[in-house]
Amino acid sequence: MGTYFSFEDKQRKRILSRIAACRSAISSNRIDAKFKATKILPAQLAALTRIELGLYGQCIDCPQTIGVERLQRIPAALRCIT
């Protein structure tokens, strides 16, 4: 019997993986990788915080929820598409 993971648990794992990749890129000698990572890292950390606070998937501009498909493509999405 497999272990059940909620959507937030799956997203947390994806986000943590992206955070680890950003930290690795920042440690590298490649300027372009460092630049990209420093742009992505804050958004990933903010998404992780929203998961922990129970706010993940809520649009910051309106009372709508962000679609699952959008969150799967952009785990750090802040806004719905309405």
PDB file of N, CA and C in Angstrom:
ATOM      1  N   MET A   1       0.838  -1.181   0.000  1.00  0.00           N
ATOM      2  CA  MET A   1       0.000   0.000   0.000  1.00  0.00           C
ATOM      3  C   MET A   1       0.883   1.245   0.000  1.00  0.00           C
ATOM      4  N   GLY A   2       0.656   2.161  -0.944  1.00  0.00           N
ATOM      5  CA  GLY A   2       1.473   3.362  -1.057  1.00  0.00           C
ATOM      6  C   GLY A   2       1.113   4.403  -0.014  1.00  0.00           C
ATOM      7  N   THR A   3       2.024   5.295   0.199  1.00  0.00           N
ATOM      8  CA  THR A   3       1.811   6.380   1.140  1.00  0.00           C
ATOM      9  C   THR A   3       1.062   7.505   0.440  1.00  0.00           C
ATOM     10  N   TYR A   4       0.046   8.048   1.095  1.00  0.00           N
ATOM     11  CA  TYR A   4      -0.726   9.156   0.545  1.00  0.00           C
ATOM     12  C   TYR A   4      -0.018  10.472   0.845  1.00  0.00           C
ATOM     13  N   PHE A   5       0.148  11.267  -0.182  1.00  0.00           N
ATOM     14  CA  PHE A   5       0.713  12.600  -0.014  1.00  0.00           C
ATOM     15  C   PHE A   5      -0.296  13.613  -0.519  1.00  0.00           C
ATOM     16  N   SER A   6      -0.553  14.631   0.264  1.00  0.00           N
ATOM     17  CA  SER A   6      -1.453  15.684  -0.188  1.00  0.00           C
ATOM     18  C   SER A   6      -0.750  16.515  -1.255  1.00  0.00           C
ATOM     19  N   PHE A   7      -1.537  17.326  -1.940  1.00  0.00           N
ATOM     20  CA  PHE A   7      -0.973  18.194  -2.970  1.00  0.00           C
ATOM     21  C   PHE A   7       0.096  19.095  -2.368  1.00  0.00           C
ATOM     22  N   GLU A   8      -0.180  19.646  -1.177  1.00  0.00           N
ATOM     23  CA  GLU A   8       0.784  20.525  -0.525  1.00  0.00           C
ATOM     24  C   GLU A   8       2.076  19.793  -0.195  1.00  0.00           C
ATOM     25  N   ASP A   9       1.974  18.535   0.221  1.00  0.00           N
ATOM     26  CA  ASP A   9       3.173  17.750   0.507  1.00  0.00           C
ATOM     27  C   ASP A   9       4.014  17.547  -0.754  1.00  0.00           C
ATOM     28  N   LYS A  10       3.352  17.268  -1.856  1.00  0.00           N
ATOM     29  CA  LYS A  10       4.065  17.096  -3.127  1.00  0.00           C
ATOM     30  C   LYS A  10       4.727  18.404  -3.555  1.00  0.00           C
ATOM     31  N   GLN A  11       3.994  19.500  -3.402  1.00  0.00           N
ATOM     32  CA  GLN A  11       4.549  20.797  -3.771  1.00  0.00           C
ATOM     33  C   GLN A  11       5.704  21.175  -2.847  1.00  0.00           C
ATOM     34  N   ARG A  12       5.572  20.879  -1.555  1.00  0.00           N
ATOM     35  CA  ARG A  12       6.662  21.158  -0.606  1.00  0.00           C
ATOM     36  C   ARG A  12       7.936  20.450  -1.053  1.00  0.00           C
ATOM     37  N   LYS A  13       7.800  19.195  -1.470  1.00  0.00           N
ATOM     38  CA  LYS A  13       8.964  18.420  -1.928  1.00  0.00           C
ATOM     39  C   LYS A  13       9.576  19.048  -3.180  1.00  0.00           C
ATOM     40  N   ARG A  14       8.727  19.472  -4.124  1.00  0.00           N
ATOM     41  CA  ARG A  14       9.224  20.115  -5.350  1.00  0.00           C
ATOM     42  C   ARG A  14       9.928  21.423  -5.031  1.00  0.00           C
ATOM     43  N   ILE A  15       9.334  22.210  -4.135  1.00  0.00           N
ATOM     44  CA  ILE A  15       9.909  23.503  -3.782  1.00  0.00           C
ATOM     45  C   ILE A  15      11.235  23.319  -3.057  1.00  0.00           C
ATOM     46  N   LEU A  16      11.296  22.365  -2.133  1.00  0.00           N
ATOM     47  CA  LEU A  16      12.559  22.101  -1.429  1.00  0.00           C
ATOM     48  C   LEU A  16      13.648  21.678  -2.403  1.00  0.00           C
ATOM     49  N   SER A  17      13.273  20.920  -3.418  1.00  0.00           N
ATOM     50  CA  SER A  17      14.231  20.514  -4.445  1.00  0.00           C
ATOM     51  C   SER A  17      14.738  21.740  -5.217  1.00  0.00           C
ATOM     52  N   ARG A  18      13.838  22.658  -5.540  1.00  0.00           N
ATOM     53  CA  ARG A  18      14.242  23.876  -6.245  1.00  0.00           C
ATOM     54  C   ARG A  18      15.134  24.751  -5.369  1.00  0.00           C
ATOM     55  N   ILE A  19      14.828  24.810  -4.067  1.00  0.00           N
ATOM     56  CA  ILE A  19      15.656  25.582  -3.146  1.00  0.00           C
ATOM     57  C   ILE A  19      17.062  24.998  -3.093  1.00  0.00           C
ATOM     58  N   ALA A  20      17.154  23.677  -3.025  1.00  0.00           N
ATOM     59  CA  ALA A  20      18.469  23.021  -3.005  1.00  0.00           C
ATOM     60  C   ALA A  20      19.234  23.314  -4.292  1.00  0.00           C
ATOM     61  N   ALA A  21      18.542  23.298  -5.427  1.00  0.00           N
ATOM     62  CA  ALA A  21      19.196  23.599  -6.706  1.00  0.00           C
ATOM     63  C   ALA A  21      19.678  25.050  -6.738  1.00  0.00           C
ATOM     64  N   CYS A  22      18.886  25.956  -6.189  1.00  0.00           N
ATOM     65  CA  CYS A  22      19.297  27.369  -6.136  1.00  0.00           C
ATOM     66  C   CYS A  22      20.538  27.538  -5.267  1.00  0.00           C
ATOM     67  N   ARG A  23      20.537  26.900  -4.134  1.00  0.00           N
ATOM     68  CA  ARG A  23      21.696  27.007  -3.243  1.00  0.00           C
ATOM     69  C   ARG A  23      22.945  26.441  -3.897  1.00  0.00           C
ATOM     70  N   SER A  24      22.788  25.362  -4.632  1.00  0.00           N
ATOM     71  CA  SER A  24      23.913  24.770  -5.347  1.00  0.00           C
ATOM     72  C   SER A  24      24.419  25.723  -6.434  1.00  0.00           C
ATOM     73  N   ALA A  25      23.482  26.342  -7.149  1.00  0.00           N
ATOM     74  CA  ALA A  25      23.863  27.277  -8.208  1.00  0.00           C
ATOM     75  C   ALA A  25      24.577  28.498  -7.630  1.00  0.00           C
ATOM     76  N   ILE A  26      24.110  28.965  -6.486  1.00  0.00           N
ATOM     77  CA  ILE A  26      24.748  30.123  -5.853  1.00  0.00           C
ATOM     78  C   ILE A  26      26.178  29.788  -5.445  1.00  0.00           C
ATOM     79  N   SER A  27      26.411  28.534  -5.083  1.00  0.00           N
ATOM     80  CA  SER A  27      27.756  28.102  -4.687  1.00  0.00           C
ATOM     81  C   SER A  27      28.670  27.856  -5.883  1.00  0.00           C
ATOM     82  N   SER A  28      28.096  27.804  -7.082  1.00  0.00           N
ATOM     83  CA  SER A  28      28.896  27.503  -8.270  1.00  0.00           C
ATOM     84  C   SER A  28      29.714  28.713  -8.704  1.00  0.00           C
ATOM     85  N   ASN A  29      30.534  28.511  -9.705  1.00  0.00           N
ATOM     86  CA  ASN A  29      31.352  29.591 -10.253  1.00  0.00           C
ATOM     87  C   ASN A  29      30.701  30.271 -11.447  1.00  0.00           C
ATOM     88  N   ARG A  30      29.511  29.808 -11.835  1.00  0.00           N
ATOM     89  CA  ARG A  30      28.846  30.359 -13.016  1.00  0.00           C
ATOM     90  C   ARG A  30      28.013  31.585 -12.630  1.00  0.00           C
ATOM     91  N   ILE A  31      28.368  32.704 -13.166  1.00  0.00           N
ATOM     92  CA  ILE A  31      27.678  33.962 -12.867  1.00  0.00           C
ATOM     93  C   ILE A  31      26.213  33.891 -13.281  1.00  0.00           C
ATOM     94  N   ASP A  32      25.924  33.328 -14.468  1.00  0.00           N
ATOM     95  CA  ASP A  32      24.542  33.265 -14.940  1.00  0.00           C
ATOM     96  C   ASP A  32      23.678  32.399 -14.033  1.00  0.00           C
ATOM     97  N   ALA A  33      24.230  31.293 -13.544  1.00  0.00           N
ATOM     98  CA  ALA A  33      23.491  30.412 -12.641  1.00  0.00           C
ATOM     99  C   ALA A  33      23.235  31.101 -11.300  1.00  0.00           C
ATOM    100  N   LYS A  34      24.231  31.824 -10.811  1.00  0.00           N
ATOM    101  CA  LYS A  34      24.060  32.564  -9.555  1.00  0.00           C
ATOM    102  C   LYS A  34      22.971  33.624  -9.690  1.00  0.00           C
ATOM    103  N   PHE A  35      23.001  34.358 -10.799  1.00  0.00           N
ATOM    104  CA  PHE A  35      22.019  35.417 -11.028  1.00  0.00           C
ATOM    105  C   PHE A  35      20.610  34.845 -11.052  1.00  0.00           C
ATOM    106  N   LYS A  36      20.406  33.781 -11.825  1.00  0.00           N
ATOM    107  CA  LYS A  36      19.090  33.156 -11.935  1.00  0.00           C
ATOM    108  C   LYS A  36      18.635  32.630 -10.572  1.00  0.00           C
ATOM    109  N   ALA A  37      19.516  31.993  -9.847  1.00  0.00           N
ATOM    110  CA  ALA A  37      19.168  31.417  -8.547  1.00  0.00           C
ATOM    111  C   ALA A  37      18.776  32.483  -7.547  1.00  0.00           C
ATOM    112  N   THR A  38      19.466  33.617  -7.567  1.00  0.00           N
ATOM    113  CA  THR A  38      19.133  34.681  -6.617  1.00  0.00           C
ATOM    114  C   THR A  38      17.783  35.319  -6.938  1.00  0.00           C
ATOM    115  N   LYS A  39      17.325  35.190  -8.165  1.00  0.00           N
ATOM    116  CA  LYS A  39      15.995  35.676  -8.542  1.00  0.00           C
ATOM    117  C   LYS A  39      14.914  34.671  -8.140  1.00  0.00           C
ATOM    118  N   ILE A  40      15.208  33.387  -8.236  1.00  0.00           N
ATOM    119  CA  ILE A  40      14.229  32.333  -7.985  1.00  0.00           C
ATOM    120  C   ILE A  40      14.104  31.994  -6.497  1.00  0.00           C
ATOM    121  N   LEU A  41      15.194  32.004  -5.782  1.00  0.00           N
ATOM    122  CA  LEU A  41      15.213  31.543  -4.394  1.00  0.00           C
ATOM    123  C   LEU A  41      14.201  32.251  -3.488  1.00  0.00           C
ATOM    124  N   PRO A  42      14.099  33.570  -3.496  1.00  0.00           N
ATOM    125  CA  PRO A  42      13.129  34.213  -2.595  1.00  0.00           C
ATOM    126  C   PRO A  42      11.682  33.768  -2.846  1.00  0.00           C
ATOM    127  N   ALA A  43      11.312  33.582  -4.090  1.00  0.00           N
ATOM    128  CA  ALA A  43       9.953  33.144  -4.414  1.00  0.00           C
ATOM    129  C   ALA A  43       9.697  31.731  -3.903  1.00  0.00           C
ATOM    130  N   GLN A  44      10.707  30.856  -4.006  1.00  0.00           N
ATOM    131  CA  GLN A  44      10.555  29.487  -3.529  1.00  0.00           C
ATOM    132  C   GLN A  44      10.429  29.456  -2.006  1.00  0.00           C
ATOM    133  N   LEU A  45      11.234  30.269  -1.323  1.00  0.00           N
ATOM    134  CA  LEU A  45      11.153  30.339   0.135  1.00  0.00           C
ATOM    135  C   LEU A  45       9.799  30.887   0.575  1.00  0.00           C
ATOM    136  N   ALA A  46       9.283  31.872  -0.153  1.00  0.00           N
ATOM    137  CA  ALA A  46       7.970  32.431   0.168  1.00  0.00           C
ATOM    138  C   ALA A  46       6.867  31.385  -0.044  1.00  0.00           C
ATOM    139  N   ALA A  47       6.980  30.595  -1.095  1.00  0.00           N
ATOM    140  CA  ALA A  47       5.991  29.539  -1.345  1.00  0.00           C
ATOM    141  C   ALA A  47       6.013  28.505  -0.223  1.00  0.00           C
ATOM    142  N   LEU A  48       7.195  28.153   0.219  1.00  0.00           N
ATOM    143  CA  LEU A  48       7.323  27.197   1.318  1.00  0.00           C
ATOM    144  C   LEU A  48       6.679  27.765   2.588  1.00  0.00           C
ATOM    145  N   THR A  49       6.874  29.037   2.834  1.00  0.00           N
ATOM    146  CA  THR A  49       6.253  29.696   3.994  1.00  0.00           C
ATOM    147  C   THR A  49       4.735  29.673   3.876  1.00  0.00           C
ATOM    148  N   ARG A  50       4.199  29.942   2.669  1.00  0.00           N
ATOM    149  CA  ARG A  50       2.748  29.909   2.478  1.00  0.00           C
ATOM    150  C   ARG A  50       2.187  28.521   2.731  1.00  0.00           C
ATOM    151  N   ILE A  51       2.926  27.483   2.358  1.00  0.00           N
ATOM    152  CA  ILE A  51       2.476  26.116   2.648  1.00  0.00           C
ATOM    153  C   ILE A  51       2.383  25.922   4.160  1.00  0.00           C
ATOM    154  N   GLU A  52       3.437  26.309   4.860  1.00  0.00           N
ATOM    155  CA  GLU A  52       3.483  26.125   6.313  1.00  0.00           C
ATOM    156  C   GLU A  52       2.382  26.919   7.022  1.00  0.00           C
ATOM    157  N   LEU A  53       2.006  28.082   6.477  1.00  0.00           N
ATOM    158  CA  LEU A  53       0.971  28.922   7.091  1.00  0.00           C
ATOM    159  C   LEU A  53      -0.447  28.535   6.667  1.00  0.00           C
ATOM    160  N   GLY A  54      -0.540  27.589   5.734  1.00  0.00           N
ATOM    161  CA  GLY A  54      -1.852  27.177   5.245  1.00  0.00           C
ATOM    162  C   GLY A  54      -2.446  28.143   4.242  1.00  0.00           C
ATOM    163  N   LEU A  55      -1.633  28.980   3.642  1.00  0.00           N
ATOM    164  CA  LEU A  55      -2.086  29.976   2.675  1.00  0.00           C
ATOM    165  C   LEU A  55      -1.746  29.617   1.237  1.00  0.00           C
ATOM    166  N   TYR A  56      -1.093  28.489   1.034  1.00  0.00           N
ATOM    167  CA  TYR A  56      -0.640  28.096  -0.306  1.00  0.00           C
ATOM    168  C   TYR A  56      -1.845  27.881  -1.215  1.00  0.00           C
ATOM    169  N   GLY A  57      -1.771  28.462  -2.397  1.00  0.00           N
ATOM    170  CA  GLY A  57      -2.830  28.295  -3.380  1.00  0.00           C
ATOM    171  C   GLY A  57      -3.890  29.377  -3.328  1.00  0.00           C
ATOM    172  N   GLN A  58      -3.773  30.324  -2.406  1.00  0.00           N
ATOM    173  CA  GLN A  58      -4.711  31.439  -2.336  1.00  0.00           C
ATOM    174  C   GLN A  58      -4.115  32.635  -3.063  1.00  0.00           C
ATOM    175  N   CYS A  59      -4.909  33.238  -3.932  1.00  0.00           N
ATOM    176  CA  CYS A  59      -4.463  34.415  -4.676  1.00  0.00           C
ATOM    177  C   CYS A  59      -4.234  35.572  -3.706  1.00  0.00           C
ATOM    178  N   ILE A  60      -3.163  36.336  -3.935  1.00  0.00           N
ATOM    179  CA  ILE A  60      -2.880  37.467  -3.055  1.00  0.00           C
ATOM    180  C   ILE A  60      -3.664  38.722  -3.450  1.00  0.00           C
ATOM    181  N   ASP A  61      -4.331  38.702  -4.614  1.00  0.00           N
ATOM    182  CA  ASP A  61      -5.069  39.869  -5.093  1.00  0.00           C
ATOM    183  C   ASP A  61      -6.583  39.752  -4.947  1.00  0.00           C
ATOM    184  N   CYS A  62      -7.095  38.543  -4.837  1.00  0.00           N
ATOM    185  CA  CYS A  62      -8.544  38.357  -4.767  1.00  0.00           C
ATOM    186  C   CYS A  62      -8.838  37.105  -3.934  1.00  0.00           C
ATOM    187  N   PRO A  63     -10.105  36.835  -3.643  1.00  0.00           N
ATOM    188  CA  PRO A  63     -10.430  35.674  -2.808  1.00  0.00           C
ATOM    189  C   PRO A  63     -10.406  34.329  -3.552  1.00  0.00           C
ATOM    190  N   GLN A  64     -10.037  34.322  -4.812  1.00  0.00           N
ATOM    191  CA  GLN A  64     -10.004  33.093  -5.602  1.00  0.00           C
ATOM    192  C   GLN A  64      -8.811  32.221  -5.216  1.00  0.00           C
ATOM    193  N   THR A  65      -8.931  30.943  -5.507  1.00  0.00           N
ATOM    194  CA  THR A  65      -7.793  30.049  -5.333  1.00  0.00           C
ATOM    195  C   THR A  65      -7.047  29.951  -6.657  1.00  0.00           C
ATOM    196  N   ILE A  66      -5.777  29.649  -6.557  1.00  0.00           N
ATOM    197  CA  ILE A  66      -4.940  29.456  -7.743  1.00  0.00           C
ATOM    198  C   ILE A  66      -5.169  28.029  -8.224  1.00  0.00           C
ATOM    199  N   GLY A  67      -5.368  27.852  -9.505  1.00  0.00           N
ATOM    200  CA  GLY A  67      -5.642  26.532 -10.059  1.00  0.00           C
ATOM    201  C   GLY A  67      -4.499  25.551  -9.843  1.00  0.00           C
ATOM    202  N   VAL A  68      -4.867  24.296  -9.656  1.00  0.00           N
ATOM    203  CA  VAL A  68      -3.873  23.235  -9.426  1.00  0.00           C
ATOM    204  C   VAL A  68      -2.896  23.148 -10.592  1.00  0.00           C
ATOM    205  N   GLU A  69      -3.414  23.249 -11.819  1.00  0.00           N
ATOM    206  CA  GLU A  69      -2.540  23.161 -12.993  1.00  0.00           C
ATOM    207  C   GLU A  69      -1.495  24.277 -12.979  1.00  0.00           C
ATOM    208  N   ARG A  70      -1.930  25.473 -12.598  1.00  0.00           N
ATOM    209  CA  ARG A  70      -0.996  26.608 -12.534  1.00  0.00           C
ATOM    210  C   ARG A  70       0.064  26.369 -11.462  1.00  0.00           C
ATOM    211  N   LEU A  71      -0.356  25.884 -10.298  1.00  0.00           N
ATOM    212  CA  LEU A  71       0.594  25.617  -9.219  1.00  0.00           C
ATOM    213  C   LEU A  71       1.557  24.481  -9.577  1.00  0.00           C
ATOM    214  N   GLN A  72       1.085  23.530 -10.363  1.00  0.00           N
ATOM    215  CA  GLN A  72       1.980  22.456 -10.789  1.00  0.00           C
ATOM    216  C   GLN A  72       3.040  22.987 -11.742  1.00  0.00           C
ATOM    217  N   ARG A  73       2.662  23.935 -12.583  1.00  0.00           N
ATOM    218  CA  ARG A  73       3.626  24.523 -13.521  1.00  0.00           C
ATOM    219  C   ARG A  73       4.519  25.561 -12.853  1.00  0.00           C
ATOM    220  N   ILE A  74       3.914  26.355 -11.955  1.00  0.00           N
ATOM    221  CA  ILE A  74       4.639  27.442 -11.282  1.00  0.00           C
ATOM    222  C   ILE A  74       4.366  27.309  -9.785  1.00  0.00           C
ATOM    223  N   PRO A  75       5.139  26.486  -9.069  1.00  0.00           N
ATOM    224  CA  PRO A  75       4.852  26.246  -7.650  1.00  0.00           C
ATOM    225  C   PRO A  75       4.870  27.504  -6.789  1.00  0.00           C
ATOM    226  N   ALA A  76       5.545  28.544  -7.204  1.00  0.00           N
ATOM    227  CA  ALA A  76       5.621  29.775  -6.406  1.00  0.00           C
ATOM    228  C   ALA A  76       4.608  30.825  -6.874  1.00  0.00           C
ATOM    229  N   ALA A  77       3.620  30.423  -7.670  1.00  0.00           N
ATOM    230  CA  ALA A  77       2.623  31.373  -8.184  1.00  0.00           C
ATOM    231  C   ALA A  77       1.915  32.075  -7.026  1.00  0.00           C
ATOM    232  N   LEU A  78       1.736  33.378  -7.178  1.00  0.00           N
ATOM    233  CA  LEU A  78       1.068  34.182  -6.150  1.00  0.00           C
ATOM    234  C   LEU A  78      -0.354  34.568  -6.553  1.00  0.00           C
ATOM    235  N   ARG A  79      -0.629  34.528  -7.853  1.00  0.00           N
ATOM    236  CA  ARG A  79      -1.903  35.036  -8.338  1.00  0.00           C
ATOM    237  C   ARG A  79      -2.634  34.009  -9.197  1.00  0.00           C
ATOM    238  N   CYS A  80      -3.970  34.083  -9.118  1.00  0.00           N
ATOM    239  CA  CYS A  80      -4.790  33.243  -9.989  1.00  0.00           C
ATOM    240  C   CYS A  80      -4.859  33.904 -11.363  1.00  0.00           C
ATOM    241  N   ILE A  81      -5.454  33.229 -12.292  1.00  0.00           N
ATOM    242  CA  ILE A  81      -5.651  33.801 -13.627  1.00  0.00           C
ATOM    243  C   ILE A  81      -7.150  33.955 -13.806  1.00  0.00           C
ATOM    244  N   THR A  82      -7.640  35.150 -13.517  1.00  0.00           N
ATOM    245  CA  THR A  82      -9.084  35.410 -13.675  1.00  0.00           C
ATOM    246  C   THR A  82      -9.308  36.641 -14.503  1.00  0.00           C
TER     247      THR A  82
END
